[in-house]
C-alpha atoms as a PDB file:
ATOM      1  CA  MET A   1      27.316 -44.089  18.673  1.00  0.00           C
ATOM      2  CA  GLY A   2      25.955 -44.474  15.199  1.00  0.00           C
ATOM      3  CA  THR A   3      22.505 -43.523  16.381  1.00  0.00           C
ATOM      4  CA  LEU A   4      24.237 -40.577  18.413  1.00  0.00           C
ATOM      5  CA  LEU A   5      25.777 -39.249  15.052  1.00  0.00           C
ATOM      6  CA  LYS A   6      22.732 -39.431  13.217  1.00  0.00           C
ATOM      7  CA  LEU A   7      20.969 -37.150  15.936  1.00  0.00           C
ATOM      8  CA  ILE A   8      23.952 -34.679  15.737  1.00  0.00           C
ATOM      9  CA  PHE A   9      23.548 -34.403  11.966  1.00  0.00           C
ATOM     10  CA  LEU A  10      19.873 -34.004  12.075  1.00  0.00           C
ATOM     11  CA  LEU A  11      20.134 -31.126  14.651  1.00  0.00           C
ATOM     12  CA  LEU A  12      22.660 -29.355  12.671  1.00  0.00           C
ATOM     13  CA  THR A  13      20.548 -29.679   9.437  1.00  0.00           C
ATOM     14  CA  ALA A  14      17.569 -28.320  11.250  1.00  0.00           C
ATOM     15  CA  ILE A  15      19.728 -25.173  12.629  1.00  0.00           C
ATOM     16  CA  SER A  16      21.082 -24.609   9.167  1.00  0.00           C
ATOM     17  CA  VAL A  17      17.639 -24.244   7.738  1.00  0.00           C
ATOM     18  CA  ALA A  18      16.152 -22.127  10.429  1.00  0.00           C
ATOM     19  CA  VAL A  19      18.729 -19.558  10.482  1.00  0.00           C
ATOM     20  CA  PRO A  20      19.435 -17.670   7.410  1.00  0.00           C
ATOM     21  CA  ALA A  21      22.832 -17.129   6.182  1.00  0.00           C
ATOM     22  CA  VAL A  22      24.779 -14.100   6.650  1.00  0.00           C
ATOM     23  CA  GLY A  23      23.501 -11.069   4.479  1.00  0.00           C
ATOM     24  CA  HIS A  24      20.111 -12.640   3.837  1.00  0.00           C
ATOM     25  CA  SER A  25      16.850 -11.877   5.259  1.00  0.00           C
ATOM     26  CA  PHE A  26      14.159 -14.254   6.439  1.00  0.00           C
ATOM     27  CA  GLU A  27      11.704 -15.516   3.704  1.00  0.00           C
ATOM     28  CA  SER A  28       8.926 -13.238   4.552  1.00  0.00           C
ATOM     29  CA  MET A  29       7.293 -10.806   7.011  1.00  0.00           C
ATOM     30  CA  THR A  30       3.392 -10.391   7.128  1.00  0.00           C
ATOM     31  CA  ARG A  31       1.745  -7.157   8.558  1.00  0.00           C
ATOM     32  CA  VAL A  32      -1.861  -6.462   8.945  1.00  0.00           C
ATOM     33  CA  TRP A  33      -3.669  -3.112   9.794  1.00  0.00           C
ATOM     34  CA  THR A  34      -7.272  -3.118  10.598  1.00  0.00           C
ATOM     35  CA  PHE A  35      -7.103   0.186  12.658  1.00  0.00           C
ATOM     36  CA  ASP A  36      -9.687  -1.263  14.840  1.00  0.00           C
ATOM     37  CA  ASP A  37      -7.098  -0.901  18.135  1.00  0.00           C
ATOM     38  CA  ASP A  38      -6.348   2.623  17.080  1.00  0.00           C
ATOM     39  CA  LEU A  39      -7.776   5.711  18.849  1.00  0.00           C
ATOM     40  CA  PRO A  40     -10.124   7.595  16.645  1.00  0.00           C
ATOM     41  CA  ARG A  41      -8.936  11.055  15.524  1.00  0.00           C
ATOM     42  CA  THR A  42      -5.003   9.985  15.571  1.00  0.00           C
ATOM     43  CA  LEU A  43      -2.664   8.512  13.206  1.00  0.00           C
ATOM     44  CA  PRO A  44      -1.706   4.861  13.837  1.00  0.00           C
ATOM     45  CA  ALA A  45       1.811   4.123  15.278  1.00  0.00           C
ATOM     46  CA  ASN A  46       4.436   4.547  12.613  1.00  0.00           C
ATOM     47  CA  PHE A  47       2.319   6.099   9.959  1.00  0.00           C
ATOM     48  CA  GLN A  48       3.359   9.475   8.754  1.00  0.00           C
ATOM     49  CA  VAL A  49       1.632  12.016   6.612  1.00  0.00           C
ATOM     50  CA  SER A  50       3.981  13.738   4.030  1.00  0.00           C
ATOM     51  CA  THR A  51       3.806  17.260   3.141  1.00  0.00           C
ATOM     52  CA  PHE A  52       2.590  19.432   0.115  1.00  0.00           C
ATOM     53  CA  PHE A  53       5.076  21.778  -1.591  1.00  0.00           C
ATOM     54  CA  ASN A  54       3.913  24.637   0.735  1.00  0.00           C
ATOM     55  CA  GLY A  55       4.706  22.493   3.886  1.00  0.00           C
ATOM     56  CA  ARG A  56       1.103  21.930   4.772  1.00  0.00           C
ATOM     57  CA  PRO A  57       0.339  18.280   5.624  1.00  0.00           C
ATOM     58  CA  ALA A  58      -0.732  16.288   2.776  1.00  0.00           C
ATOM     59  CA  GLY A  59      -4.300  15.507   3.558  1.00  0.00           C
ATOM     60  CA  ASP A  60      -6.277  15.052   6.697  1.00  0.00           C
ATOM     61  CA  TRP A  61      -5.465  11.491   7.474  1.00  0.00           C
ATOM     62  CA  LYS A  62      -6.971   9.861  10.915  1.00  0.00           C
ATOM     63  CA  VAL A  63      -8.400   6.749  12.210  1.00  0.00           C
ATOM     64  CA  PHE A  64     -12.296   7.279  12.117  1.00  0.00           C
ATOM     65  CA  ASN A  65     -15.345   5.623  13.813  1.00  0.00           C
ATOM     66  CA  THR A  66     -18.045   4.664  11.064  1.00  0.00           C
ATOM     67  CA  ASP A  67     -20.714   2.444  10.557  1.00  0.00           C
ATOM     68  CA  HIS A  68     -19.417   2.083   6.959  1.00  0.00           C
ATOM     69  CA  ALA A  69     -16.227   0.086   8.004  1.00  0.00           C
ATOM     70  CA  LYS A  70     -15.556  -2.987   6.204  1.00  0.00           C
ATOM     71  CA  SER A  71     -14.038  -4.560   9.310  1.00  0.00           C
ATOM     72  CA  SER A  72     -15.878  -2.795  12.360  1.00  0.00           C
ATOM     73  CA  PRO A  73     -15.547  -0.203  13.916  1.00  0.00           C
ATOM     74  CA  HIS A  74     -12.649   1.723  12.566  1.00  0.00           C
ATOM     75  CA  VAL A  75     -10.963   2.725   9.166  1.00  0.00           C
ATOM     76  CA  LEU A  76      -8.106   5.023   8.339  1.00  0.00           C
ATOM     77  CA  ALA A  77      -9.664   8.010   6.481  1.00  0.00           C
ATOM     78  CA  GLN A  78      -8.486  10.915   4.182  1.00  0.00           C
ATOM     79  CA  LEU A  79     -10.869  13.529   5.355  1.00  0.00           C
ATOM     80  CA  LEU A  80      -9.562  16.809   3.624  1.00  0.00           C
ATOM     81  CA  GLY A  81     -12.398  17.551   1.102  1.00  0.00           C
ATOM     82  CA  LYS A  82     -10.610  20.119  -1.249  1.00  0.00           C
ATOM     83  CA  GLY A  83      -7.348  20.244  -3.149  1.00  0.00           C
ATOM     84  CA  ALA A  84      -5.632  21.489  -6.198  1.00  0.00           C
ATOM     85  CA  GLU A  85      -5.666  19.335  -9.469  1.00  0.00           C
ATOM     86  CA  HIS A  86      -2.340  17.732  -8.493  1.00  0.00           C
ATOM     87  CA  ALA A  87      -2.289  17.623  -4.810  1.00  0.00           C
ATOM     88  CA  TYR A  88      -1.504  14.147  -3.967  1.00  0.00           C
ATOM     89  CA  GLU A  89      -2.628  13.217  -0.439  1.00  0.00           C
ATOM     90  CA  THR A  90      -0.207  10.584   0.890  1.00  0.00           C
ATOM     91  CA  VAL A  91       0.662   8.629   4.123  1.00  0.00           C
ATOM     92  CA  PHE A  92       3.277   6.493   4.556  1.00  0.00           C
ATOM     93  CA  ILE A  93       4.670   3.784   7.161  1.00  0.00           C
ATOM     94  CA  ASN A  94       7.858   4.364   8.603  1.00  0.00           C
ATOM     95  CA  GLY A  95      10.370   1.521   9.580  1.00  0.00           C
ATOM     96  CA  ILE A  96       9.291  -0.801   6.902  1.00  0.00           C
ATOM     97  CA  LYS A  97      11.028  -1.038   3.450  1.00  0.00           C
ATOM     98  CA  ALA A  98      10.183  -3.896   1.109  1.00  0.00           C
ATOM     99  CA  SER A  99      11.394  -4.931  -2.293  1.00  0.00           C
ATOM    100  CA  ASP A 100       9.327  -8.157  -3.282  1.00  0.00           C
ATOM    101  CA  LEU A 101       6.106  -7.933  -1.888  1.00  0.00           C
ATOM    102  CA  GLU A 102       2.344  -8.280  -1.749  1.00  0.00           C
ATOM    103  CA  LEU A 103       0.407  -5.067  -0.594  1.00  0.00           C
ATOM    104  CA  GLU A 104      -3.384  -4.944  -0.431  1.00  0.00           C
ATOM    105  CA  VAL A 105      -5.916  -2.678   0.860  1.00  0.00           C
ATOM    106  CA  SER A 106      -9.825  -2.278   0.710  1.00  0.00           C
ATOM    107  CA  PHE A 107     -11.201   1.159   0.090  1.00  0.00           C
ATOM    108  CA  LEU A 108     -14.559   3.228  -0.202  1.00  0.00           C
ATOM    109  CA  PRO A 109     -15.241   6.190  -1.838  1.00  0.00           C
ATOM    110  CA  ILE A 110     -17.030   8.942  -0.168  1.00  0.00           C
ATOM    111  CA  GLU A 111     -16.898  11.855  -2.025  1.00  0.00           C
ATOM    112  CA  GLY A 112     -14.957  14.032  -4.449  1.00  0.00           C
ATOM    113  CA  LYS A 113     -15.202  16.663  -7.283  1.00  0.00           C
ATOM    114  CA  ALA A 114     -12.248  16.177  -9.225  1.00  0.00           C
ATOM    115  CA  TYR A 115     -11.242  12.905  -8.332  1.00  0.00           C
ATOM    116  CA  MET A 116     -12.591   9.854  -6.161  1.00  0.00           C
ATOM    117  CA  GLY A 117     -11.065   6.413  -4.791  1.00  0.00           C
ATOM    118  CA  GLY A 118      -7.713   5.576  -3.627  1.00  0.00           C
ATOM    119  CA  GLY A 119      -4.504   4.056  -4.501  1.00  0.00           C
ATOM    120  CA  LEU A 120      -1.474   1.956  -3.178  1.00  0.00           C
ATOM    121  CA  ILE A 121       2.154   3.137  -2.891  1.00  0.00           C
ATOM    122  CA  TRP A 122       5.109   0.958  -2.906  1.00  0.00           C
ATOM    123  CA  ARG A 123       8.918   1.079  -3.392  1.00  0.00           C
ATOM    124  CA  ALA A 124       8.981   4.728  -2.190  1.00  0.00           C
ATOM    125  CA  THR A 125      12.518   6.172  -1.789  1.00  0.00           C
ATOM    126  CA  ASP A 126      10.548   9.474  -0.411  1.00  0.00           C
ATOM    127  CA  ASP A 127       7.172  11.302  -1.067  1.00  0.00           C
ATOM    128  CA  ARG A 128       7.942  12.400  -4.590  1.00  0.00           C
ATOM    129  CA  ASN A 129       9.610   9.005  -5.830  1.00  0.00           C
ATOM    130  CA  TYR A 130       7.575   5.813  -5.749  1.00  0.00           C
ATOM    131  CA  TYR A 131       5.136   3.382  -7.624  1.00  0.00           C
ATOM    132  CA  LEU A 132       1.422   4.024  -7.394  1.00  0.00           C
ATOM    133  CA  THR A 133      -1.690   2.168  -8.495  1.00  0.00           C
ATOM    134  CA  ARG A 134      -5.187   4.001  -8.183  1.00  0.00           C
ATOM    135  CA  ALA A 135      -8.571   3.244  -8.899  1.00  0.00           C
ATOM    136  CA  ASP A 136     -11.021   6.020  -9.803  1.00  0.00           C
ATOM    137  CA  PRO A 137     -14.868   5.785  -9.810  1.00  0.00           C
ATOM    138  CA  LEU A 138     -15.388   9.087 -11.361  1.00  0.00           C
ATOM    139  CA  GLU A 139     -13.188   8.196 -14.595  1.00  0.00           C
ATOM    140  CA  GLN A 140     -14.124   4.740 -14.422  1.00  0.00           C
ATOM    141  CA  ASN A 141     -10.528   3.348 -14.751  1.00  0.00           C
ATOM    142  CA  ILE A 142      -7.604   1.989 -12.929  1.00  0.00           C
ATOM    143  CA  ARG A 143      -4.149   3.098 -13.600  1.00  0.00           C
ATOM    144  CA  ILE A 144      -0.595   2.460 -12.625  1.00  0.00           C
ATOM    145  CA  TYR A 145       2.036   5.222 -12.466  1.00  0.00           C
ATOM    146  CA  ARG A 146       5.781   5.768 -11.815  1.00  0.00           C
ATOM    147  CA  VAL A 147       6.038   9.115  -9.744  1.00  0.00           C
ATOM    148  CA  PHE A 148       9.663  10.418 -10.409  1.00  0.00           C
ATOM    149  CA  LYS A 149      10.579  13.675  -8.626  1.00  0.00           C
ATOM    150  CA  GLY A 150       6.952  14.478  -8.108  1.00  0.00           C
ATOM    151  CA  VAL A 151       5.783  13.850 -11.568  1.00  0.00           C
ATOM    152  CA  ARG A 152       3.621  11.085 -12.378  1.00  0.00           C
ATOM    153  CA  TYR A 153       4.459   9.000 -15.677  1.00  0.00           C
ATOM    154  CA  LEU A 154       1.490   6.780 -16.764  1.00  0.00           C
ATOM    155  CA  LEU A 155       2.606   3.112 -17.277  1.00  0.00           C
ATOM    156  CA  LYS A 156      -0.789   1.596 -18.022  1.00  0.00           C
ATOM    157  CA  ASN A 157      -4.543   2.492 -17.991  1.00  0.00           C
ATOM    158  CA  LEU A 158      -7.567   0.316 -18.323  1.00  0.00           C
ATOM    159  CA  ASP A 159     -11.276   1.451 -18.334  1.00  0.00           C
ATOM    160  CA  GLN A 160     -13.114  -0.383 -15.613  1.00  0.00           C
ATOM    161  CA  ILE A 161     -16.592  -0.109 -14.098  1.00  0.00           C
ATOM    162  CA  ILE A 162     -16.036   0.794 -10.357  1.00  0.00           C
ATOM    163  CA  ASP A 163     -19.149   0.934  -8.256  1.00  0.00           C
ATOM    164  CA  VAL A 164     -19.101   4.391  -5.881  1.00  0.00           C
ATOM    165  CA  ARG A 165     -21.499   2.877  -3.497  1.00  0.00           C
ATOM    166  CA  LEU A 166     -19.194  -0.015  -2.513  1.00  0.00           C
ATOM    167  CA  TRP A 167     -15.998  -1.390  -0.941  1.00  0.00           C
ATOM    168  CA  HIS A 168     -13.250  -2.286  -3.383  1.00  0.00           C
ATOM    169  CA  THR A 169     -10.034  -4.299  -2.946  1.00  0.00           C
ATOM    170  CA  LEU A 170      -6.735  -3.034  -4.586  1.00  0.00           C
ATOM    171  CA  ARG A 171      -3.691  -5.371  -4.566  1.00  0.00           C
ATOM    172  CA  VAL A 172      -0.239  -5.180  -5.855  1.00  0.00           C
ATOM    173  CA  SER A 173       2.352  -8.148  -6.295  1.00  0.00           C
ATOM    174  CA  ALA A 174       5.906  -6.861  -7.056  1.00  0.00           C
ATOM    175  CA  LYS A 175       8.786  -9.437  -7.688  1.00  0.00           C
ATOM    176  CA  GLY A 176      11.805  -7.925  -9.210  1.00  0.00           C
ATOM    177  CA  CYS A 177      10.684  -5.918 -12.200  1.00  0.00           C
ATOM    178  CA  GLN A 178       7.534  -7.655 -12.458  1.00  0.00           C
ATOM    179  CA  VAL A 179       4.384  -5.982 -11.144  1.00  0.00           C
ATOM    180  CA  GLN A 180       0.928  -7.466 -11.191  1.00  0.00           C
ATOM    181  CA  VAL A 181      -2.304  -5.230 -10.115  1.00  0.00           C
ATOM    182  CA  PHE A 182      -5.340  -6.803  -9.023  1.00  0.00           C
ATOM    183  CA  LEU A 183      -8.721  -4.977  -8.577  1.00  0.00           C
ATOM    184  CA  ASP A 184     -11.531  -7.156  -6.447  1.00  0.00           C
ATOM    185  CA  GLY A 185      -9.407 -10.243  -7.395  1.00  0.00           C
ATOM    186  CA  LYS A 186      -9.237  -9.620 -11.072  1.00  0.00           C
ATOM    187  CA  GLU A 187      -6.084  -9.056 -12.500  1.00  0.00           C
ATOM    188  CA  MET A 188      -5.762  -5.556 -14.279  1.00  0.00           C
ATOM    189  CA  PHE A 189      -2.111  -5.129 -15.182  1.00  0.00           C
ATOM    190  CA  ASN A 190       1.094  -7.228 -15.687  1.00  0.00           C
ATOM    191  CA  LEU A 191       4.019  -5.314 -16.560  1.00  0.00           C
ATOM    192  CA  CYS A 192       7.788  -4.806 -15.929  1.00  0.00           C
ATOM    193  CA  ASP A 193       9.539  -1.657 -14.673  1.00  0.00           C
ATOM    194  CA  GLN A 194      13.002  -1.250 -13.316  1.00  0.00           C
ATOM    195  CA  THR A 195      12.898   2.445 -11.831  1.00  0.00           C
ATOM    196  CA  PHE A 196      12.506   1.630  -8.183  1.00  0.00           C
ATOM    197  CA  SER A 197      13.873  -1.535  -6.525  1.00  0.00           C
ATOM    198  CA  THR A 198      12.932  -1.050  -2.828  1.00  0.00           C
ATOM    199  CA  GLY A 199      11.360   1.429  -0.383  1.00  0.00           C
ATOM    200  CA  GLN A 200       8.479   2.247   2.018  1.00  0.00           C
ATOM    201  CA  VAL A 201       4.830   1.590   1.352  1.00  0.00           C
ATOM    202  CA  GLY A 202       1.747   3.986   1.683  1.00  0.00           C
ATOM    203  CA  LEU A 203      -1.523   5.331   0.681  1.00  0.00           C
ATOM    204  CA  TRP A 204      -2.696   7.714  -1.735  1.00  0.00           C
ATOM    205  CA  THR A 205      -5.591  10.178  -2.752  1.00  0.00           C
ATOM    206  CA  LYS A 206      -5.893  13.198  -4.933  1.00  0.00           C
ATOM    207  CA  SER A 207      -7.368  16.343  -5.020  1.00  0.00           C
ATOM    208  CA  GLY A 208      -9.395  16.423  -1.822  1.00  0.00           C
ATOM    209  CA  ALA A 209     -11.173  12.890  -2.483  1.00  0.00           C
ATOM    210  CA  VAL A 210     -12.406  11.835   0.981  1.00  0.00           C
ATOM    211  CA  THR A 211     -11.756   8.117   1.051  1.00  0.00           C
ATOM    212  CA  TYR A 212     -11.860   5.251   3.759  1.00  0.00           C
ATOM    213  CA  PHE A 213      -9.324   2.591   3.898  1.00  0.00           C
ATOM    214  CA  ASP A 214      -9.476  -0.680   5.855  1.00  0.00           C
ATOM    215  CA  ASP A 215      -7.471  -4.157   6.242  1.00  0.00           C
ATOM    216  CA  LEU A 216      -4.119  -2.895   4.736  1.00  0.00           C
ATOM    217  CA  LYS A 217      -1.992  -5.978   4.470  1.00  0.00           C
ATOM    218  CA  LEU A 218       1.709  -6.281   3.519  1.00  0.00           C
ATOM    219  CA  ARG A 219       3.544  -9.472   2.750  1.00  0.00           C
ATOM    220  CA  SER A 220       7.151  -8.675   2.197  1.00  0.00           C
ATOM    221  CA  MET A 221       9.270 -11.452   0.649  1.00  0.00           C
ATOM    222  CA  ARG A 222      12.657  -9.512   1.043  1.00  0.00           C
END
């Protein structure tokens, strides 16, 4: 009987560990988008392009077959090659909201007159309110912003050599108010901001910058 009670106790303990308490989520969720199984000239499932103030799509976002992919054969590309100074080309992933997270993407700058490069969006309540970090090979800097009601507020800037000929990896780690940003594995920023606590994630370019994105990764802790 003693052995049987021990077995029952161990079984109940295992169940209590495996099943989260009511009102709590699982510890983490990891998603990876390589875009290699998506059809060229389409948007991946659950990706949605936002709109400019005049109602037009905010960029020409589509899966693109290219020899320059980081993980062959496809990338997600922003191909609209013209745009106003403050025209933000953005795409969001529907059905996913995250608070604490690690978000990473590789990007290759292709062309751009006013701006080049790309960025990551997180904790977006809509396409006018979110956090953004972006790297620009024309300005040779990396920045982190709070975008509130469509207006960007600069939180941090760092001058940084960014080779326009190479793929680069941008990563964000957000836990509570604490945010870290990494470029090619090197920490760029470590700061606290409490404006947004949860929301969608997405990708960003500006002013008609043609950019390839690949190997988008999201690890959501809650």
